[in-house]
């Protein structure tokens, strides 16, 4: 299996005088994946791990639809989609729009491949797939919505605890009043709606895709959504949910490693290394969305 260093060495050798060597190597392995699986390939790669200060622009947002439209132009939708997804998550509305758009183009013939992390709203998009391919090092994340970095579920839990404490002992109102005063009017209701919204999206995608032909689709989807959205269970929005945990909760997860899939593992990790090196070589890059035909959309740092 090519290591990150070996892919970097390959990039250094890939100088043809016309094209950028990182582009050459990246697209070489995208073509290899396309040839191996005979399916359309799109990579959604965020450089948020390298550019933590630019989270908003490197996360899932409404601008991504335009990039995906470009990548889907002139490809044969009947050949399905392998979506390589590396993202911290982002806007729930944008994730819903992206998942719905991809479903309209490919039906339920979508496979999501997670080379390292597909967190939060990225996990929601993964729930739109018929199958998720993960490595031993890969993770999904909780889908509980956040407001300015604070868990919606945590806010509701805090509010319910305050109600109980004050009901049990009115003197507790003096303790809770300055804490609850930081919330704007109707904020708790907004949190409840956001939680329901994220759960409904993931549930509908699971029963219409991953469990489409399953008589127990509803029960399985409810269990998965419940575990992915229960802040009391996950403890933190940044919780990494690995292959085994995803499989145990009932998601249809396929291992990237081993056996006849060794070629797939080599190619996917080579693609991932190549994107990491691209982000390292061009420090103004926040996000790359690209297909196997080299149709590419890049988001740059503001002011770059």
Foldseek 3Di string as FASTA:
>chain_A
DQDLVNLVVQLVVQDDPPDRSLLVLLLVLLLVVCVVLVAWEKEWDFPCVLVVVPQQLRAQDQVVVVLVVLQPPPDDLQRAYEYEYDHQHYDLVSLLVVLVVNCVSNPQRYEYEYAAEQEASRVLSNLLHLEYEYAQRHFYFANQDDDPQHGLLVVLVVVVVLVVVCVVPVVCCVVCVVVVVVADPCRNVVSVVSLVSSLVSSLVSQCRHNVVPPPCSNVLSVQLNCCRHDCVNQVHRPRTQGDVNNVVSPGRYDYCDDDPNPSVVVSSVSSVSSVNVVCVVDVQWGIWMAISVGSIDTDGHPPD
